[in-house]
């Protein structure tokens, strides 16, 4: 990059920027043609020169999606430098900048989750709800990252803003080791996180990771007093929620055959069958409410 352009970006001098463009009309285009580069927008974003950055966004919006040689976009660089005003202005122009993947697949949302920055997480998810779907190279979501770093308030902020349509998918998504968010919360003995996940009724606590464990044995592994409450919560939540029972039933090979047989029955037979079924369901429900001692 021309040192005069770098200096203009560092000082936020818009007049100097246009002087260089008059002197060399392709000065920005040559930078844009490079695959990995610190653009003037990267420099201005890190330095907090909002007006200069907005001018560049008008001239070369593609700069905002470029990553430099270290794997960072302009928005990535604005975050650790606490440039909140810069972040807000960049997102006003393009909210999907939250989804730009940098080094190791980390987006600005992942960075905010790692730092436990609740205001930024809230801002990102409010402006770009679909950003929760983005995964790192290790298949971590922002929820995984918040749990890994024991950021309870960040974890809560994400759950509050998690679109209903994505809840089951995100909360049961497995990372590269097959761990769900519940596995991670259990391994860190995060009681409040476990409680929130159970309360959501969207979590499949019978999911097995690549080591062959559900969340319960992961939690029991340390065998410390601190984990007893969490173990108790998971043991009482071992009955799978109706959504998973329904899914298993619908996927059963014999489901269609059973329905066909029922439809061919006489009315009296169907009525008798319904009475028996009601009794079975009633007994099952009572068994769930009052499990045997030691269960």
C-alpha atoms as a PDB file:
ATOM      1  CA  UNK A   1       0.000   0.000   0.000  1.00  0.00           C
ATOM      2  CA  UNK A   2       1.119   3.523  -0.788  1.00  0.00           C
ATOM      3  CA  UNK A   3       2.542   4.970   2.438  1.00  0.00           C
ATOM      4  CA  UNK A   4       0.653   8.212   1.811  1.00  0.00           C
ATOM      5  CA  UNK A   5      -2.610   6.237   1.764  1.00  0.00           C
ATOM      6  CA  UNK A   6      -1.650   4.413   4.948  1.00  0.00           C
ATOM      7  CA  UNK A   7      -0.892   7.736   6.600  1.00  0.00           C
ATOM      8  CA  UNK A   8      -4.243   9.165   5.461  1.00  0.00           C
ATOM      9  CA  UNK A   9      -6.064   6.159   6.957  1.00  0.00           C
ATOM     10  CA  UNK A  10      -4.125   6.382  10.233  1.00  0.00           C
ATOM     11  CA  UNK A  11      -5.000  10.058  10.609  1.00  0.00           C
ATOM     12  CA  UNK A  12      -8.518   9.800   9.151  1.00  0.00           C
ATOM     13  CA  UNK A  13      -7.729  12.485   6.555  1.00  0.00           C
ATOM     14  CA  UNK A  14     -10.443  12.370   3.869  1.00  0.00           C
ATOM     15  CA  UNK A  15      -8.899  15.272   1.902  1.00  0.00           C
ATOM     16  CA  UNK A  16      -5.627  13.356   1.641  1.00  0.00           C
ATOM     17  CA  UNK A  17      -7.562  10.293   0.427  1.00  0.00           C
ATOM     18  CA  UNK A  18      -9.079  12.213  -2.491  1.00  0.00           C
ATOM     19  CA  UNK A  19      -5.760  13.882  -3.281  1.00  0.00           C
ATOM     20  CA  UNK A  20      -4.292  10.397  -3.774  1.00  0.00           C
ATOM     21  CA  UNK A  21      -7.263   9.293  -5.893  1.00  0.00           C
ATOM     22  CA  UNK A  22      -6.810  12.347  -8.144  1.00  0.00           C
ATOM     23  CA  UNK A  23      -3.134  11.499  -8.448  1.00  0.00           C
ATOM     24  CA  UNK A  24      -3.809   7.791  -9.135  1.00  0.00           C
ATOM     25  CA  UNK A  25      -7.376   6.765 -10.012  1.00  0.00           C
ATOM     26  CA  UNK A  26      -6.618   3.048  -9.515  1.00  0.00           C
ATOM     27  CA  UNK A  27      -5.008   3.352  -6.091  1.00  0.00           C
ATOM     28  CA  UNK A  28      -7.953   1.655  -4.332  1.00  0.00           C
ATOM     29  CA  UNK A  29      -8.652  -0.815  -7.137  1.00  0.00           C
ATOM     30  CA  UNK A  30      -5.156  -2.318  -6.937  1.00  0.00           C
ATOM     31  CA  UNK A  31      -5.664  -2.987  -3.236  1.00  0.00           C
ATOM     32  CA  UNK A  32      -9.067  -4.524  -3.923  1.00  0.00           C
ATOM     33  CA  UNK A  33      -7.509  -6.999  -6.355  1.00  0.00           C
ATOM     34  CA  UNK A  34      -5.284  -8.452  -3.629  1.00  0.00           C
ATOM     35  CA  UNK A  35      -6.597 -11.569  -1.883  1.00  0.00           C
ATOM     36  CA  UNK A  36      -5.316 -10.835   1.631  1.00  0.00           C
ATOM     37  CA  UNK A  37      -4.392  -7.294   2.543  1.00  0.00           C
ATOM     38  CA  UNK A  38      -4.648  -4.572   5.156  1.00  0.00           C
ATOM     39  CA  UNK A  39      -6.906  -2.151   3.317  1.00  0.00           C
ATOM     40  CA  UNK A  40      -7.224   1.511   4.338  1.00  0.00           C
ATOM     41  CA  UNK A  41     -10.556   0.464   5.885  1.00  0.00           C
ATOM     42  CA  UNK A  42      -8.782  -2.031   8.159  1.00  0.00           C
ATOM     43  CA  UNK A  43      -6.462   0.727   9.364  1.00  0.00           C
ATOM     44  CA  UNK A  44      -9.242   3.276   9.870  1.00  0.00           C
ATOM     45  CA  UNK A  45     -11.490   0.747  11.654  1.00  0.00           C
ATOM     46  CA  UNK A  46      -8.760  -0.175  14.132  1.00  0.00           C
ATOM     47  CA  UNK A  47      -7.947   3.509  14.726  1.00  0.00           C
ATOM     48  CA  UNK A  48     -11.582   4.528  15.159  1.00  0.00           C
ATOM     49  CA  UNK A  49     -11.773   7.049  12.304  1.00  0.00           C
ATOM     50  CA  UNK A  50     -15.480   6.591  11.588  1.00  0.00           C
ATOM     51  CA  UNK A  51     -15.948   9.315   8.946  1.00  0.00           C
ATOM     52  CA  UNK A  52     -12.945   8.102   6.945  1.00  0.00           C
ATOM     53  CA  UNK A  53     -14.201   4.510   7.191  1.00  0.00           C
ATOM     54  CA  UNK A  54     -17.689   5.485   5.998  1.00  0.00           C
ATOM     55  CA  UNK A  55     -16.170   7.343   3.044  1.00  0.00           C
ATOM     56  CA  UNK A  56     -14.259   4.205   2.082  1.00  0.00           C
ATOM     57  CA  UNK A  57     -17.404   2.082   2.502  1.00  0.00           C
ATOM     58  CA  UNK A  58     -19.053   4.298  -0.122  1.00  0.00           C
ATOM     59  CA  UNK A  59     -16.097   4.053  -2.480  1.00  0.00           C
ATOM     60  CA  UNK A  60     -15.093   0.416  -1.923  1.00  0.00           C
ATOM     61  CA  UNK A  61     -17.675  -1.565   0.110  1.00  0.00           C
ATOM     62  CA  UNK A  62     -15.792  -4.757  -0.803  1.00  0.00           C
ATOM     63  CA  UNK A  63     -12.995  -3.710   1.585  1.00  0.00           C
ATOM     64  CA  UNK A  64     -15.292  -4.524   4.529  1.00  0.00           C
ATOM     65  CA  UNK A  65     -15.331  -8.224   3.615  1.00  0.00           C
ATOM     66  CA  UNK A  66     -11.627  -8.629   2.989  1.00  0.00           C
ATOM     67  CA  UNK A  67      -9.432 -10.314   5.570  1.00  0.00           C
ATOM     68  CA  UNK A  68      -5.839  -9.255   6.041  1.00  0.00           C
ATOM     69  CA  UNK A  69      -2.745 -11.453   6.208  1.00  0.00           C
ATOM     70  CA  UNK A  70      -3.579 -12.278   9.833  1.00  0.00           C
ATOM     71  CA  UNK A  71      -7.124 -13.351   8.976  1.00  0.00           C
ATOM     72  CA  UNK A  72      -9.072 -10.334  10.256  1.00  0.00           C
ATOM     73  CA  UNK A  73     -11.697  -8.137   8.622  1.00  0.00           C
ATOM     74  CA  UNK A  74     -12.117  -4.425   9.471  1.00  0.00           C
ATOM     75  CA  UNK A  75     -14.962  -5.293  11.875  1.00  0.00           C
ATOM     76  CA  UNK A  76     -12.761  -7.897  13.595  1.00  0.00           C
ATOM     77  CA  UNK A  77     -10.123  -5.202  14.162  1.00  0.00           C
ATOM     78  CA  UNK A  78     -12.611  -2.675  15.522  1.00  0.00           C
ATOM     79  CA  UNK A  79     -13.742  -5.046  18.305  1.00  0.00           C
ATOM     80  CA  UNK A  80     -10.579  -5.455  20.440  1.00  0.00           C
ATOM     81  CA  UNK A  81      -9.896  -1.734  20.080  1.00  0.00           C
ATOM     82  CA  UNK A  82     -13.291  -0.943  21.690  1.00  0.00           C
ATOM     83  CA  UNK A  83     -14.453   1.043  18.674  1.00  0.00           C
ATOM     84  CA  UNK A  84     -18.188   0.740  19.435  1.00  0.00           C
ATOM     85  CA  UNK A  85     -19.136   3.707  17.243  1.00  0.00           C
ATOM     86  CA  UNK A  86     -17.206   2.221  14.332  1.00  0.00           C
ATOM     87  CA  UNK A  87     -18.932  -1.150  14.807  1.00  0.00           C
ATOM     88  CA  UNK A  88     -22.380   0.465  14.848  1.00  0.00           C
ATOM     89  CA  UNK A  89     -21.735   2.473  11.676  1.00  0.00           C
ATOM     90  CA  UNK A  90     -20.321  -0.486   9.759  1.00  0.00           C
ATOM     91  CA  UNK A  91     -23.357  -2.595  10.644  1.00  0.00           C
ATOM     92  CA  UNK A  92     -25.757   0.164   9.590  1.00  0.00           C
ATOM     93  CA  UNK A  93     -24.346  -0.147   6.084  1.00  0.00           C
ATOM     94  CA  UNK A  94     -24.068  -3.951   6.044  1.00  0.00           C
ATOM     95  CA  UNK A  95     -25.461  -6.002   8.957  1.00  0.00           C
ATOM     96  CA  UNK A  96     -24.101  -9.221   7.428  1.00  0.00           C
ATOM     97  CA  UNK A  97     -20.556  -8.126   8.263  1.00  0.00           C
ATOM     98  CA  UNK A  98     -21.249  -9.931  11.555  1.00  0.00           C
ATOM     99  CA  UNK A  99     -20.998 -13.170   9.534  1.00  0.00           C
ATOM    100  CA  UNK A 100     -17.626 -12.518   7.873  1.00  0.00           C
ATOM    101  CA  UNK A 101     -15.335 -15.388   8.834  1.00  0.00           C
ATOM    102  CA  UNK A 102     -11.790 -14.635   9.839  1.00  0.00           C
ATOM    103  CA  UNK A 103      -9.006 -16.720  11.312  1.00  0.00           C
ATOM    104  CA  UNK A 104     -10.111 -20.253  12.323  1.00  0.00           C
ATOM    105  CA  UNK A 105     -13.594 -19.431  11.072  1.00  0.00           C
ATOM    106  CA  UNK A 106     -14.290 -16.956  13.862  1.00  0.00           C
ATOM    107  CA  UNK A 107     -16.858 -14.283  13.083  1.00  0.00           C
ATOM    108  CA  UNK A 108     -17.256 -11.035  15.051  1.00  0.00           C
ATOM    109  CA  UNK A 109     -20.144 -12.784  16.867  1.00  0.00           C
ATOM    110  CA  UNK A 110     -17.789 -15.581  17.962  1.00  0.00           C
ATOM    111  CA  UNK A 111     -15.307 -12.964  19.191  1.00  0.00           C
ATOM    112  CA  UNK A 112     -18.000 -11.262  21.283  1.00  0.00           C
ATOM    113  CA  UNK A 113     -19.021 -14.639  22.759  1.00  0.00           C
ATOM    114  CA  UNK A 114     -15.406 -15.462  23.627  1.00  0.00           C
ATOM    115  CA  UNK A 115     -14.973 -12.110  25.377  1.00  0.00           C
ATOM    116  CA  UNK A 116     -18.352 -12.370  27.106  1.00  0.00           C
ATOM    117  CA  UNK A 117     -19.345  -8.983  25.679  1.00  0.00           C
ATOM    118  CA  UNK A 118     -23.114  -8.965  26.299  1.00  0.00           C
ATOM    119  CA  UNK A 119     -23.895  -5.566  24.673  1.00  0.00           C
ATOM    120  CA  UNK A 120     -22.113  -6.582  21.461  1.00  0.00           C
ATOM    121  CA  UNK A 121     -23.714 -10.042  21.418  1.00  0.00           C
ATOM    122  CA  UNK A 122     -27.131  -8.457  21.836  1.00  0.00           C
ATOM    123  CA  UNK A 123     -26.427  -5.929  19.087  1.00  0.00           C
ATOM    124  CA  UNK A 124     -25.139  -8.549  16.647  1.00  0.00           C
ATOM    125  CA  UNK A 125     -27.997 -11.006  17.206  1.00  0.00           C
ATOM    126  CA  UNK A 126     -30.657  -8.284  17.103  1.00  0.00           C
ATOM    127  CA  UNK A 127     -29.345  -6.989  13.780  1.00  0.00           C
ATOM    128  CA  UNK A 128     -28.399 -10.323  12.223  1.00  0.00           C
ATOM    129  CA  UNK A 129     -30.224 -13.279  13.889  1.00  0.00           C
ATOM    130  CA  UNK A 130     -28.940 -15.764  11.296  1.00  0.00           C
ATOM    131  CA  UNK A 131     -25.366 -15.165  12.464  1.00  0.00           C
ATOM    132  CA  UNK A 132     -26.027 -17.740  15.213  1.00  0.00           C
ATOM    133  CA  UNK A 133     -25.805 -20.426  12.498  1.00  0.00           C
ATOM    134  CA  UNK A 134     -22.147 -19.723  11.717  1.00  0.00           C
ATOM    135  CA  UNK A 135     -19.574 -22.306  12.817  1.00  0.00           C
ATOM    136  CA  UNK A 136     -15.841 -22.089  13.427  1.00  0.00           C
ATOM    137  CA  UNK A 137     -13.466 -24.618  11.878  1.00  0.00           C
ATOM    138  CA  UNK A 138     -14.013 -26.675  15.055  1.00  0.00           C
ATOM    139  CA  UNK A 139     -17.796 -26.604  14.468  1.00  0.00           C
ATOM    140  CA  UNK A 140     -18.371 -24.335  17.461  1.00  0.00           C
ATOM    141  CA  UNK A 141     -21.345 -21.968  17.566  1.00  0.00           C
ATOM    142  CA  UNK A 142     -21.393 -18.778  19.631  1.00  0.00           C
ATOM    143  CA  UNK A 143     -23.292 -20.763  22.296  1.00  0.00           C
ATOM    144  CA  UNK A 144     -20.506 -23.380  22.448  1.00  0.00           C
ATOM    145  CA  UNK A 145     -17.920 -20.612  22.804  1.00  0.00           C
ATOM    146  CA  UNK A 146     -19.790 -18.810  25.594  1.00  0.00           C
ATOM    147  CA  UNK A 147     -20.099 -22.130  27.473  1.00  0.00           C
ATOM    148  CA  UNK A 148     -16.426 -23.021  26.928  1.00  0.00           C
ATOM    149  CA  UNK A 149     -15.360 -19.690  28.422  1.00  0.00           C
ATOM    150  CA  UNK A 150     -17.838 -19.848  31.346  1.00  0.00           C
ATOM    151  CA  UNK A 151     -19.561 -16.613  30.327  1.00  0.00           C
ATOM    152  CA  UNK A 152     -22.974 -17.135  31.926  1.00  0.00           C
ATOM    153  CA  UNK A 153     -24.422 -13.699  31.112  1.00  0.00           C
ATOM    154  CA  UNK A 154     -23.303 -14.002  27.492  1.00  0.00           C
ATOM    155  CA  UNK A 155     -24.824 -17.499  27.414  1.00  0.00           C
ATOM    156  CA  UNK A 156     -28.131 -16.093  28.713  1.00  0.00           C
ATOM    157  CA  UNK A 157     -28.074 -13.244  26.189  1.00  0.00           C
ATOM    158  CA  UNK A 158     -27.662 -15.681  23.306  1.00  0.00           C
ATOM    159  CA  UNK A 159     -30.450 -17.979  24.531  1.00  0.00           C
ATOM    160  CA  UNK A 160     -32.827 -15.019  24.918  1.00  0.00           C
ATOM    161  CA  UNK A 161     -32.223 -13.999  21.316  1.00  0.00           C
ATOM    162  CA  UNK A 162     -32.051 -17.464  19.796  1.00  0.00           C
ATOM    163  CA  UNK A 163     -34.744 -17.622  17.084  1.00  0.00           C
ATOM    164  CA  UNK A 164     -37.346 -20.268  17.999  1.00  0.00           C
ATOM    165  CA  UNK A 165     -36.945 -21.940  14.623  1.00  0.00           C
ATOM    166  CA  UNK A 166     -33.248 -22.603  15.390  1.00  0.00           C
ATOM    167  CA  UNK A 167     -33.469 -23.652  19.057  1.00  0.00           C
ATOM    168  CA  UNK A 168     -33.490 -27.444  18.628  1.00  0.00           C
ATOM    169  CA  UNK A 169     -30.852 -27.288  15.890  1.00  0.00           C
ATOM    170  CA  UNK A 170     -28.394 -24.991  17.694  1.00  0.00           C
ATOM    171  CA  UNK A 171     -28.754 -26.422  21.197  1.00  0.00           C
ATOM    172  CA  UNK A 172     -28.151 -29.973  19.941  1.00  0.00           C
ATOM    173  CA  UNK A 173     -25.440 -29.159  17.409  1.00  0.00           C
ATOM    174  CA  UNK A 174     -22.228 -31.128  17.938  1.00  0.00           C
ATOM    175  CA  UNK A 175     -18.720 -29.710  17.732  1.00  0.00           C
ATOM    176  CA  UNK A 176     -15.815 -31.579  16.133  1.00  0.00           C
ATOM    177  CA  UNK A 177     -15.622 -33.876  19.181  1.00  0.00           C
ATOM    178  CA  UNK A 178     -19.344 -34.592  19.174  1.00  0.00           C
ATOM    179  CA  UNK A 179     -19.993 -32.377  22.196  1.00  0.00           C
ATOM    180  CA  UNK A 180     -23.234 -30.437  22.441  1.00  0.00           C
ATOM    181  CA  UNK A 181     -23.600 -27.286  24.526  1.00  0.00           C
ATOM    182  CA  UNK A 182     -24.895 -29.503  27.350  1.00  0.00           C
ATOM    183  CA  UNK A 183     -21.719 -31.633  27.257  1.00  0.00           C
ATOM    184  CA  UNK A 184     -19.609 -28.473  27.529  1.00  0.00           C
ATOM    185  CA  UNK A 185     -21.687 -26.999  30.354  1.00  0.00           C
ATOM    186  CA  UNK A 186     -21.460 -30.347  32.160  1.00  0.00           C
ATOM    187  CA  UNK A 187     -17.682 -30.638  31.709  1.00  0.00           C
ATOM    188  CA  UNK A 188     -17.296 -27.165  33.267  1.00  0.00           C
ATOM    189  CA  UNK A 189     -19.921 -27.923  35.948  1.00  0.00           C
ATOM    190  CA  UNK A 190     -21.889 -24.823  34.952  1.00  0.00           C
ATOM    191  CA  UNK A 191     -25.013 -25.406  37.040  1.00  0.00           C
ATOM    192  CA  UNK A 192     -26.886 -22.339  35.839  1.00  0.00           C
ATOM    193  CA  UNK A 193     -26.198 -23.162  32.196  1.00  0.00           C
ATOM    194  CA  UNK A 194     -27.387 -26.740  32.717  1.00  0.00           C
ATOM    195  CA  UNK A 195     -30.530 -25.464  34.429  1.00  0.00           C
ATOM    196  CA  UNK A 196     -31.266 -23.093  31.536  1.00  0.00           C
ATOM    197  CA  UNK A 197     -30.756 -25.834  28.959  1.00  0.00           C
ATOM    198  CA  UNK A 198     -33.066 -28.242  30.791  1.00  0.00           C
ATOM    199  CA  UNK A 199     -35.672 -25.502  31.204  1.00  0.00           C
ATOM    200  CA  UNK A 200     -35.646 -24.826  27.456  1.00  0.00           C
ATOM    201  CA  UNK A 201     -36.985 -28.380  26.803  1.00  0.00           C
ATOM    202  CA  UNK A 202     -35.180 -28.290  23.453  1.00  0.00           C
ATOM    203  CA  UNK A 203     -32.099 -30.250  24.488  1.00  0.00           C
ATOM    204  CA  UNK A 204     -31.539 -33.937  23.778  1.00  0.00           C
ATOM    205  CA  UNK A 205     -29.634 -34.951  26.925  1.00  0.00           C
ATOM    206  CA  UNK A 206     -29.179 -38.466  25.556  1.00  0.00           C
ATOM    207  CA  UNK A 207     -26.802 -37.255  22.827  1.00  0.00           C
ATOM    208  CA  UNK A 208     -23.529 -39.190  22.852  1.00  0.00           C
ATOM    209  CA  UNK A 209     -20.203 -37.522  22.018  1.00  0.00           C
ATOM    210  CA  UNK A 210     -17.308 -39.157  20.149  1.00  0.00           C
ATOM    211  CA  UNK A 211     -15.978 -40.560  23.422  1.00  0.00           C
ATOM    212  CA  UNK A 212     -19.255 -42.413  23.884  1.00  0.00           C
ATOM    213  CA  UNK A 213     -20.590 -40.284  26.752  1.00  0.00           C
ATOM    214  CA  UNK A 214     -23.820 -38.425  27.346  1.00  0.00           C
ATOM    215  CA  UNK A 215     -23.671 -35.246  29.443  1.00  0.00           C
ATOM    216  CA  UNK A 216     -24.362 -37.091  32.730  1.00  0.00           C
ATOM    217  CA  UNK A 217     -21.176 -39.232  32.872  1.00  0.00           C
ATOM    218  CA  UNK A 218     -19.191 -36.202  31.681  1.00  0.00           C
ATOM    219  CA  UNK A 219     -20.526 -34.323  34.694  1.00  0.00           C
ATOM    220  CA  UNK A 220     -19.947 -37.231  37.086  1.00  0.00           C
ATOM    221  CA  UNK A 221     -16.318 -37.660  35.997  1.00  0.00           C
ATOM    222  CA  UNK A 222     -14.805 -35.133  38.464  1.00  0.00           C
ATOM    223  CA  UNK A 223     -16.859 -36.770  41.288  1.00  0.00           C
ATOM    224  CA  UNK A 224     -16.640 -33.640  43.415  1.00  0.00           C
ATOM    225  CA  UNK A 225     -19.156 -32.149  45.824  1.00  0.00           C
ATOM    226  CA  UNK A 226     -19.578 -29.142  43.535  1.00  0.00           C
ATOM    227  CA  UNK A 227     -21.059 -31.302  40.792  1.00  0.00           C
ATOM    228  CA  UNK A 228     -23.730 -33.044  42.898  1.00  0.00           C
ATOM    229  CA  UNK A 229     -26.454 -30.478  42.240  1.00  0.00           C
ATOM    230  CA  UNK A 230     -25.796 -30.560  38.492  1.00  0.00           C
ATOM    231  CA  UNK A 231     -25.801 -34.377  38.482  1.00  0.00           C
ATOM    232  CA  UNK A 232     -29.132 -34.356  40.302  1.00  0.00           C
ATOM    233  CA  UNK A 233     -30.634 -31.968  37.751  1.00  0.00           C
ATOM    234  CA  UNK A 234     -29.582 -34.138  34.832  1.00  0.00           C
ATOM    235  CA  UNK A 235     -30.775 -37.354  36.474  1.00  0.00           C
ATOM    236  CA  UNK A 236     -34.213 -35.840  36.974  1.00  0.00           C
ATOM    237  CA  UNK A 237     -34.224 -34.750  33.344  1.00  0.00           C
ATOM    238  CA  UNK A 238     -33.391 -38.153  31.882  1.00  0.00           C
ATOM    239  CA  UNK A 239     -36.876 -38.766  30.422  1.00  0.00           C
ATOM    240  CA  UNK A 240     -36.677 -37.473  26.858  1.00  0.00           C
ATOM    241  CA  UNK A 241     -39.029 -34.588  26.035  1.00  0.00           C
ATOM    242  CA  UNK A 242     -42.144 -35.212  23.946  1.00  0.00           C
ATOM    243  CA  UNK A 243     -40.573 -33.678  20.875  1.00  0.00           C
ATOM    244  CA  UNK A 244     -37.979 -36.479  20.745  1.00  0.00           C
ATOM    245  CA  UNK A 245     -40.513 -39.201  21.549  1.00  0.00           C
ATOM    246  CA  UNK A 246     -42.686 -37.898  18.740  1.00  0.00           C
ATOM    247  CA  UNK A 247     -39.744 -37.843  16.374  1.00  0.00           C
ATOM    248  CA  UNK A 248     -38.849 -41.459  17.190  1.00  0.00           C
ATOM    249  CA  UNK A 249     -42.435 -42.559  16.653  1.00  0.00           C
ATOM    250  CA  UNK A 250     -42.757 -40.795  13.321  1.00  0.00           C
ATOM    251  CA  UNK A 251     -39.506 -42.343  12.141  1.00  0.00           C
ATOM    252  CA  UNK A 252     -40.570 -45.868  13.098  1.00  0.00           C
ATOM    253  CA  UNK A 253     -40.871 -48.267  10.181  1.00  0.00           C
ATOM    254  CA  UNK A 254     -44.055 -49.790  11.491  1.00  0.00           C
ATOM    255  CA  UNK A 255     -45.874 -46.478  12.057  1.00  0.00           C
ATOM    256  CA  UNK A 256     -47.713 -46.589   8.717  1.00  0.00           C
ATOM    257  CA  UNK A 257     -48.652 -50.253   9.202  1.00  0.00           C
ATOM    258  CA  UNK A 258     -50.075 -49.567  12.678  1.00  0.00           C
ATOM    259  CA  UNK A 259     -52.240 -46.709  11.401  1.00  0.00           C
ATOM    260  CA  UNK A 260     -53.496 -48.887   8.540  1.00  0.00           C
ATOM    261  CA  UNK A 261     -54.442 -51.691  10.949  1.00  0.00           C
ATOM    262  CA  UNK A 262     -56.306 -49.271  13.218  1.00  0.00           C
ATOM    263  CA  UNK A 263     -58.292 -47.815  10.332  1.00  0.00           C
ATOM    264  CA  UNK A 264     -59.422 -51.313   9.321  1.00  0.00           C
ATOM    265  CA  UNK A 265     -60.734 -52.138  12.808  1.00  0.00           C
ATOM    266  CA  UNK A 266     -64.400 -52.059  13.802  1.00  0.00           C
ATOM    267  CA  UNK A 267     -65.623 -49.091  15.847  1.00  0.00           C
ATOM    268  CA  UNK A 268     -66.068 -51.168  19.042  1.00  0.00           C
ATOM    269  CA  UNK A 269     -62.542 -52.531  18.718  1.00  0.00           C
ATOM    270  CA  UNK A 270     -61.115 -49.036  18.255  1.00  0.00           C
ATOM    271  CA  UNK A 271     -62.996 -47.779  21.336  1.00  0.00           C
ATOM    272  CA  UNK A 272     -61.639 -50.664  23.422  1.00  0.00           C
ATOM    273  CA  UNK A 273     -58.121 -50.019  22.115  1.00  0.00           C
ATOM    274  CA  UNK A 274     -58.372 -46.336  23.031  1.00  0.00           C
ATOM    275  CA  UNK A 275     -59.394 -47.208  26.597  1.00  0.00           C
ATOM    276  CA  UNK A 276     -56.414 -49.572  26.938  1.00  0.00           C
ATOM    277  CA  UNK A 277     -54.083 -46.970  25.426  1.00  0.00           C
ATOM    278  CA  UNK A 278     -55.360 -44.338  27.868  1.00  0.00           C
ATOM    279  CA  UNK A 279     -54.642 -46.671  30.792  1.00  0.00           C
ATOM    280  CA  UNK A 280     -51.115 -47.374  29.513  1.00  0.00           C
ATOM    281  CA  UNK A 281     -50.401 -43.660  29.084  1.00  0.00           C
ATOM    282  CA  UNK A 282     -51.770 -42.952  32.555  1.00  0.00           C
ATOM    283  CA  UNK A 283     -49.540 -45.597  34.159  1.00  0.00           C
ATOM    284  CA  UNK A 284     -46.513 -44.362  32.175  1.00  0.00           C
ATOM    285  CA  UNK A 285     -47.159 -40.800  33.321  1.00  0.00           C
ATOM    286  CA  UNK A 286     -47.402 -41.892  36.956  1.00  0.00           C
ATOM    287  CA  UNK A 287     -44.146 -43.846  36.606  1.00  0.00           C
ATOM    288  CA  UNK A 288     -42.406 -40.730  35.281  1.00  0.00           C
ATOM    289  CA  UNK A 289     -43.711 -38.608  38.154  1.00  0.00           C
ATOM    290  CA  UNK A 290     -42.799 -41.208  40.790  1.00  0.00           C
ATOM    291  CA  UNK A 291     -39.683 -43.102  39.644  1.00  0.00           C
ATOM    292  CA  UNK A 292     -38.537 -46.113  41.683  1.00  0.00           C
ATOM    293  CA  UNK A 293     -36.153 -45.447  44.566  1.00  0.00           C
ATOM    294  CA  UNK A 294     -32.568 -45.119  43.364  1.00  0.00           C
ATOM    295  CA  UNK A 295     -33.628 -44.311  39.817  1.00  0.00           C
END
